[in-house]
N, C-alpha and C. Protein backbone atom coordinates (compact mmCIF):
# COMPACT_ATOMS: atom_id res chain seq x y z
N MET A 1 -0.26 24.72 14.35
CA MET A 1 -0.29 24.30 13.17
C MET A 1 -1.56 24.56 12.37
N HIS A 2 -1.18 24.97 10.85
CA HIS A 2 -2.15 25.25 10.12
C HIS A 2 -2.36 24.60 8.53
N ASN A 3 -3.08 24.49 8.17
CA ASN A 3 -3.71 23.41 7.68
C ASN A 3 -3.46 24.25 6.07
N LEU A 4 -2.66 24.65 4.61
CA LEU A 4 -2.28 25.35 3.81
C LEU A 4 -2.78 25.04 2.57
N GLU A 5 -3.27 23.88 3.31
CA GLU A 5 -3.79 23.09 1.79
C GLU A 5 -3.14 23.11 0.30
N LEU A 6 -2.06 22.80 0.51
CA LEU A 6 -0.87 22.64 -0.32
C LEU A 6 -1.56 21.66 -1.35
N ASP A 7 -1.70 20.55 -1.13
CA ASP A 7 -2.30 19.74 -2.27
C ASP A 7 -3.93 20.14 -2.51
N GLY A 8 -4.51 21.10 -2.08
CA GLY A 8 -6.22 21.10 -2.80
C GLY A 8 -6.88 20.77 -1.79
N TYR A 9 -6.75 19.73 -0.79
CA TYR A 9 -7.82 19.87 0.01
C TYR A 9 -7.87 20.13 1.40
N TYR A 10 -8.87 20.53 2.24
CA TYR A 10 -9.05 20.40 3.54
C TYR A 10 -8.48 19.46 4.34
N SER A 11 -9.72 18.04 4.18
CA SER A 11 -9.07 17.05 5.07
C SER A 11 -8.61 15.74 3.90
N THR A 12 -9.87 15.10 3.98
CA THR A 12 -9.25 13.91 3.10
C THR A 12 -9.55 13.99 1.47
N ALA A 13 -8.80 13.43 0.80
CA ALA A 13 -8.81 13.89 -0.57
C ALA A 13 -9.99 12.25 -1.17
N LEU A 14 -10.20 12.61 -2.47
CA LEU A 14 -10.59 11.94 -3.29
C LEU A 14 -9.73 10.58 -3.78
N VAL A 15 -9.93 9.12 -3.89
CA VAL A 15 -9.77 8.37 -4.23
C VAL A 15 -9.03 8.44 -5.68
N SER A 16 -7.41 7.93 -5.31
CA SER A 16 -6.58 8.18 -6.66
C SER A 16 -6.68 9.56 -7.30
N SER A 17 -6.54 10.84 -6.32
CA SER A 17 -6.02 11.98 -6.50
C SER A 17 -4.64 12.46 -7.11
N PHE A 18 -3.37 11.55 -6.25
CA PHE A 18 -2.30 11.68 -7.03
C PHE A 18 -1.86 10.58 -7.64
N PRO A 19 -0.79 10.58 -8.52
CA PRO A 19 0.07 9.96 -9.09
C PRO A 19 0.18 8.32 -8.69
N SER A 20 0.18 7.37 -9.44
CA SER A 20 0.25 5.92 -8.48
C SER A 20 2.14 5.94 -8.38
N ASN A 21 2.21 4.55 -7.70
CA ASN A 21 3.82 4.58 -7.78
C ASN A 21 4.23 3.89 -8.53
N ALA A 22 5.60 3.18 -8.47
CA ALA A 22 5.58 2.42 -9.58
C ALA A 22 4.98 0.70 -9.62
N PHE A 23 4.18 0.44 -8.56
CA PHE A 23 3.93 -0.56 -8.55
C PHE A 23 2.61 -0.36 -8.94
N GLY A 24 2.01 0.86 -9.51
CA GLY A 24 0.79 0.87 -9.68
C GLY A 24 -0.34 1.32 -8.71
N LEU A 25 0.13 1.72 -7.46
CA LEU A 25 -0.41 1.52 -6.29
C LEU A 25 -0.60 3.18 -5.56
N SER A 26 -2.04 3.38 -5.21
CA SER A 26 -2.15 5.07 -5.01
C SER A 26 -2.95 5.07 -4.12
N ASP A 27 -2.47 6.11 -3.04
CA ASP A 27 -3.52 6.40 -1.66
C ASP A 27 -2.82 5.59 -1.01
N MET A 28 -1.46 4.98 -0.64
CA MET A 28 -0.94 4.00 0.08
C MET A 28 -0.59 4.84 1.79
N ALA A 29 -0.35 6.20 1.53
CA ALA A 29 -0.51 6.79 2.88
C ALA A 29 -0.79 8.40 3.03
N GLY A 30 -0.55 8.66 3.97
CA GLY A 30 -0.77 10.05 3.95
C GLY A 30 -2.44 10.39 3.67
N ASN A 31 -3.27 9.94 3.31
CA ASN A 31 -4.83 10.44 3.34
C ASN A 31 -5.56 10.02 4.66
N VAL A 32 -6.03 8.63 4.94
CA VAL A 32 -6.72 8.37 6.21
C VAL A 32 -5.66 7.09 6.43
N TRP A 33 -5.69 6.76 7.74
CA TRP A 33 -5.23 5.59 8.55
C TRP A 33 -6.01 4.75 8.06
N GLU A 34 -5.26 3.68 7.44
CA GLU A 34 -6.24 2.15 7.04
C GLU A 34 -6.11 1.11 7.81
N TRP A 35 -7.52 0.90 8.33
CA TRP A 35 -8.01 -0.26 9.10
C TRP A 35 -7.49 -1.56 8.38
N CYS A 36 -6.87 -2.28 8.80
CA CYS A 36 -6.12 -3.72 8.31
C CYS A 36 -6.51 -4.62 9.09
N LEU A 37 -6.50 -6.20 8.37
CA LEU A 37 -7.42 -7.09 9.54
C LEU A 37 -5.91 -8.01 10.56
N ASP A 38 -4.58 -7.37 10.16
CA ASP A 38 -4.03 -8.09 11.31
C ASP A 38 -4.28 -7.34 12.70
N ARG A 39 -4.36 -7.85 13.40
CA ARG A 39 -4.61 -8.10 15.03
C ARG A 39 -3.33 -7.11 15.91
N TYR A 40 -3.66 -6.22 16.40
CA TYR A 40 -2.54 -5.68 16.96
C TYR A 40 -2.71 -6.37 18.19
N ASP A 41 -0.91 -6.51 18.55
CA ASP A 41 -0.01 -7.01 19.56
C ASP A 41 1.30 -6.64 19.46
N VAL A 42 1.07 -5.76 21.08
CA VAL A 42 2.56 -5.15 20.82
C VAL A 42 3.94 -5.72 20.74
N ASN A 43 3.97 -7.25 20.93
CA ASN A 43 4.67 -7.92 20.79
C ASN A 43 4.98 -8.69 19.46
N SER A 44 4.14 -8.55 18.51
CA SER A 44 4.40 -9.56 17.36
C SER A 44 5.36 -8.92 16.49
N TYR A 45 6.06 -7.89 15.98
CA TYR A 45 7.07 -7.60 15.37
C TYR A 45 7.89 -8.20 16.01
N SER A 46 8.50 -7.78 17.09
CA SER A 46 9.93 -8.42 17.74
C SER A 46 9.64 -10.27 17.87
N ARG A 47 9.03 -10.64 17.79
CA ARG A 47 8.03 -11.94 17.70
C ARG A 47 8.82 -12.65 16.47
N ASP A 48 7.89 -12.31 15.60
CA ASP A 48 8.13 -12.25 14.23
C ASP A 48 9.39 -12.28 13.57
N ALA A 49 10.00 -11.27 13.83
CA ALA A 49 11.58 -11.15 13.33
C ALA A 49 12.42 -12.16 14.12
N ALA A 50 12.06 -12.68 15.30
CA ALA A 50 12.94 -13.37 16.22
C ALA A 50 12.75 -15.16 15.48
N GLU A 51 11.81 -15.29 14.85
CA GLU A 51 11.26 -16.35 14.08
C GLU A 51 11.44 -16.63 12.68
N GLY A 52 11.88 -15.36 12.08
CA GLY A 52 12.56 -15.13 10.68
C GLY A 52 11.23 -14.88 9.77
N LYS A 53 10.10 -14.24 10.12
CA LYS A 53 9.15 -14.00 9.74
C LYS A 53 9.16 -12.42 9.16
N ILE A 54 9.99 -12.08 8.31
CA ILE A 54 9.92 -10.59 8.17
C ILE A 54 9.44 -9.95 7.10
N SER A 55 9.47 -10.91 5.70
CA SER A 55 8.79 -10.62 4.51
C SER A 55 7.84 -10.31 4.67
N ASN A 56 6.38 -10.96 4.74
CA ASN A 56 5.14 -10.90 5.24
C ASN A 56 4.31 -11.40 6.42
N PRO A 57 4.70 -10.76 7.04
CA PRO A 57 4.09 -11.45 8.61
C PRO A 57 2.38 -10.99 8.14
N LYS A 58 1.72 -12.14 9.37
CA LYS A 58 0.55 -12.47 9.03
C LYS A 58 -0.13 -11.68 10.10
N GLY A 59 0.65 -11.42 11.21
CA GLY A 59 -0.42 -10.80 12.33
C GLY A 59 -0.30 -11.55 13.39
N SER A 60 -0.65 -11.19 14.74
CA SER A 60 -0.92 -11.96 15.46
C SER A 60 -1.83 -13.09 15.72
N GLU A 61 -2.14 -14.23 16.34
CA GLU A 61 -3.28 -15.21 16.52
C GLU A 61 -4.42 -13.99 17.76
N SER A 62 -3.12 -13.29 18.60
CA SER A 62 -4.63 -12.70 19.61
C SER A 62 -4.05 -11.16 19.55
N TYR A 63 -4.96 -10.38 20.29
CA TYR A 63 -5.11 -9.18 21.11
C TYR A 63 -3.82 -8.81 21.99
N ASN A 64 -3.15 -7.84 21.93
CA ASN A 64 -2.35 -7.64 23.08
C ASN A 64 -1.99 -5.81 23.04
N ASP A 65 -2.62 -5.13 24.03
CA ASP A 65 -2.32 -3.73 24.32
C ASP A 65 -2.35 -3.49 25.33
N PRO A 66 -0.89 -3.45 25.95
CA PRO A 66 -1.08 -3.74 27.41
C PRO A 66 -1.52 -1.89 27.82
N ARG A 67 -2.04 -1.21 26.96
CA ARG A 67 -2.41 0.11 27.58
C ARG A 67 -4.17 0.35 27.55
N GLU A 68 -4.69 -0.78 26.57
CA GLU A 68 -6.42 -1.27 26.60
C GLU A 68 -6.30 -2.44 26.71
N PRO A 69 -6.04 -3.49 27.62
CA PRO A 69 -5.83 -4.86 27.74
C PRO A 69 -7.35 -5.53 27.17
N TYR A 70 -8.47 -4.89 27.53
CA TYR A 70 -9.54 -5.22 27.07
C TYR A 70 -10.34 -5.19 26.35
N ALA A 71 -9.68 -4.30 25.33
CA ALA A 71 -9.74 -3.92 24.04
C ALA A 71 -9.43 -4.21 23.01
N PRO A 72 -10.08 -5.34 22.12
CA PRO A 72 -9.58 -5.96 21.15
C PRO A 72 -9.13 -4.71 19.65
N LYS A 73 -7.74 -4.91 19.13
CA LYS A 73 -7.61 -4.08 18.42
C LYS A 73 -7.20 -4.21 16.93
N HIS A 74 -6.97 -3.54 16.20
CA HIS A 74 -6.31 -3.80 14.60
C HIS A 74 -5.40 -2.95 14.57
N LEU A 75 -4.27 -3.12 13.97
CA LEU A 75 -3.84 -2.55 13.08
C LEU A 75 -3.89 -1.22 12.09
N ILE A 76 -3.59 -0.09 12.24
CA ILE A 76 -4.19 0.91 11.57
C ILE A 76 -2.75 1.19 10.65
N ARG A 77 -2.61 1.58 9.14
CA ARG A 77 -1.51 1.72 8.77
C ARG A 77 -1.76 3.21 7.66
N GLY A 78 -0.25 3.57 7.45
CA GLY A 78 -0.08 4.49 6.39
C GLY A 78 -0.12 5.73 6.85
N GLY A 79 -0.72 6.22 8.36
CA GLY A 79 -0.77 7.90 8.85
C GLY A 79 -2.48 8.64 7.63
N SER A 80 -2.66 9.62 8.05
CA SER A 80 -3.76 10.31 7.90
C SER A 80 -3.22 11.90 7.29
N PHE A 81 -4.15 12.86 6.74
CA PHE A 81 -4.04 13.84 6.58
C PHE A 81 -3.82 14.98 7.71
N LEU A 82 -3.82 14.08 9.07
CA LEU A 82 -3.59 14.92 10.39
C LEU A 82 -2.28 14.90 11.01
N CYS A 83 -1.34 14.04 10.46
CA CYS A 83 -0.26 13.66 10.99
C CYS A 83 0.71 14.90 10.55
N ASN A 84 1.62 14.99 11.43
CA ASN A 84 3.00 16.15 11.24
C ASN A 84 3.77 15.92 11.96
N ASP A 85 4.99 16.51 11.60
CA ASP A 85 6.05 16.37 13.00
C ASP A 85 5.55 16.66 14.04
N SER A 86 5.02 17.24 15.12
CA SER A 86 4.44 17.36 15.77
C SER A 86 3.51 16.64 16.66
N TYR A 87 2.98 15.81 15.67
CA TYR A 87 1.91 15.00 16.48
C TYR A 87 2.18 13.36 16.19
N CYS A 88 2.19 13.33 14.91
CA CYS A 88 2.31 11.36 14.82
C CYS A 88 3.44 11.08 13.80
N SER A 89 3.90 11.84 12.70
CA SER A 89 5.01 12.00 11.88
C SER A 89 4.57 10.55 11.08
N GLY A 90 3.35 9.95 10.59
CA GLY A 90 2.76 9.03 9.99
C GLY A 90 2.63 8.73 8.52
N TYR A 91 3.59 9.34 7.84
CA TYR A 91 3.27 9.30 6.47
C TYR A 91 4.35 8.19 5.99
N CYS A 92 3.90 7.20 6.53
CA CYS A 92 4.83 6.02 5.80
C CYS A 92 4.11 4.77 5.99
N ILE A 93 3.92 3.93 4.48
CA ILE A 93 3.01 2.77 4.64
C ILE A 93 3.19 2.12 5.75
N SER A 94 4.58 2.16 6.13
CA SER A 94 4.68 0.66 7.59
C SER A 94 4.25 1.44 8.69
N ARG A 95 4.18 2.63 8.67
CA ARG A 95 3.77 3.00 10.03
C ARG A 95 2.92 2.31 10.62
N ARG A 96 2.95 1.89 11.75
CA ARG A 96 1.28 1.43 12.51
C ARG A 96 0.96 2.11 13.63
N MET A 97 -0.40 1.74 14.05
CA MET A 97 -0.72 2.35 15.25
C MET A 97 -2.23 1.46 15.29
N CYS A 98 -3.08 1.72 15.97
CA CYS A 98 -4.12 0.42 16.53
C CYS A 98 -5.21 1.19 17.25
N SER A 99 -6.43 0.46 16.63
CA SER A 99 -7.70 1.06 17.06
C SER A 99 -8.62 0.08 17.21
N SER A 100 -9.30 0.23 18.00
CA SER A 100 -10.62 -0.76 18.05
C SER A 100 -11.63 -0.42 17.41
N LYS A 101 -12.49 -1.72 16.83
CA LYS A 101 -13.55 -1.46 15.62
C LYS A 101 -14.78 -0.54 16.04
N ASP A 102 -14.97 -0.07 17.22
CA ASP A 102 -15.98 0.74 17.56
C ASP A 102 -15.56 2.26 17.90
N SER A 103 -14.22 2.29 17.07
CA SER A 103 -13.72 3.75 17.08
C SER A 103 -14.17 4.59 15.00
N GLY A 104 -14.46 5.32 15.58
CA GLY A 104 -14.85 6.42 14.22
C GLY A 104 -14.51 7.52 14.08
N PHE A 105 -13.37 7.73 12.95
CA PHE A 105 -12.65 9.12 13.06
C PHE A 105 -13.04 9.48 11.55
N ASN A 106 -13.30 10.59 11.17
CA ASN A 106 -12.72 11.00 9.70
C ASN A 106 -11.41 10.82 9.26
N HIS A 107 -10.65 10.42 9.90
CA HIS A 107 -8.91 9.85 9.29
C HIS A 107 -8.70 8.71 9.05
N THR A 108 -9.96 7.64 9.51
CA THR A 108 -9.36 6.60 9.21
C THR A 108 -10.59 5.80 8.22
N GLY A 109 -9.93 4.46 7.15
CA GLY A 109 -10.48 4.36 6.20
C GLY A 109 -10.26 2.70 6.03
N PHE A 110 -9.94 2.02 5.31
CA PHE A 110 -9.76 0.72 5.25
C PHE A 110 -8.69 0.35 4.33
N ARG A 111 -7.77 -1.16 4.37
CA ARG A 111 -6.69 -0.97 3.10
C ARG A 111 -7.23 -2.42 2.73
N CYS A 112 -7.93 -2.26 1.09
CA CYS A 112 -8.15 -4.03 0.32
C CYS A 112 -6.63 -4.41 0.44
N VAL A 113 -6.46 -5.69 -0.06
CA VAL A 113 -5.27 -6.36 -0.20
C VAL A 113 -5.78 -7.42 -0.96
N LYS A 114 -4.92 -8.20 -1.64
CA LYS A 114 -4.91 -9.49 -1.94
C LYS A 114 -3.84 -10.13 -2.25
N ASP A 115 -3.84 -11.75 -2.01
CA ASP A 115 -2.78 -12.81 -1.66
C ASP A 115 -2.11 -12.74 -3.20
N ILE A 116 -1.33 -12.55 -3.32
CA ILE A 116 -0.56 -13.10 -4.70
C ILE A 116 -0.84 -14.08 -5.30
N ASP A 117 -1.05 -15.71 -4.09
CA ASP A 117 -1.04 -16.80 -4.69
C ASP A 117 -2.22 -17.04 -5.22
């Protein structure tokens, strides 16, 4: 795969480089994976769905990644400029992966949120 720079950027784009959506949000997918407060638990979504917590899940109380059981990980969301159909197909705000806090990549940032309450 070759980066054709169709968006004008070789790697990450500056914040608000693209128009915001109907909610006034910009840069929610595709620039960098966004580090989230939620702890990664491979079972949390199925457990939340079974308990009826599907509209705004708060994440797990504990860490659970069977691939690396001793590495506490958090969710990262939104995909990055590196995603493509042959790698991770992650251009979606609900797309999730996980990362440990000692990871440092040029395709990972963070997501700021605010409760509406």
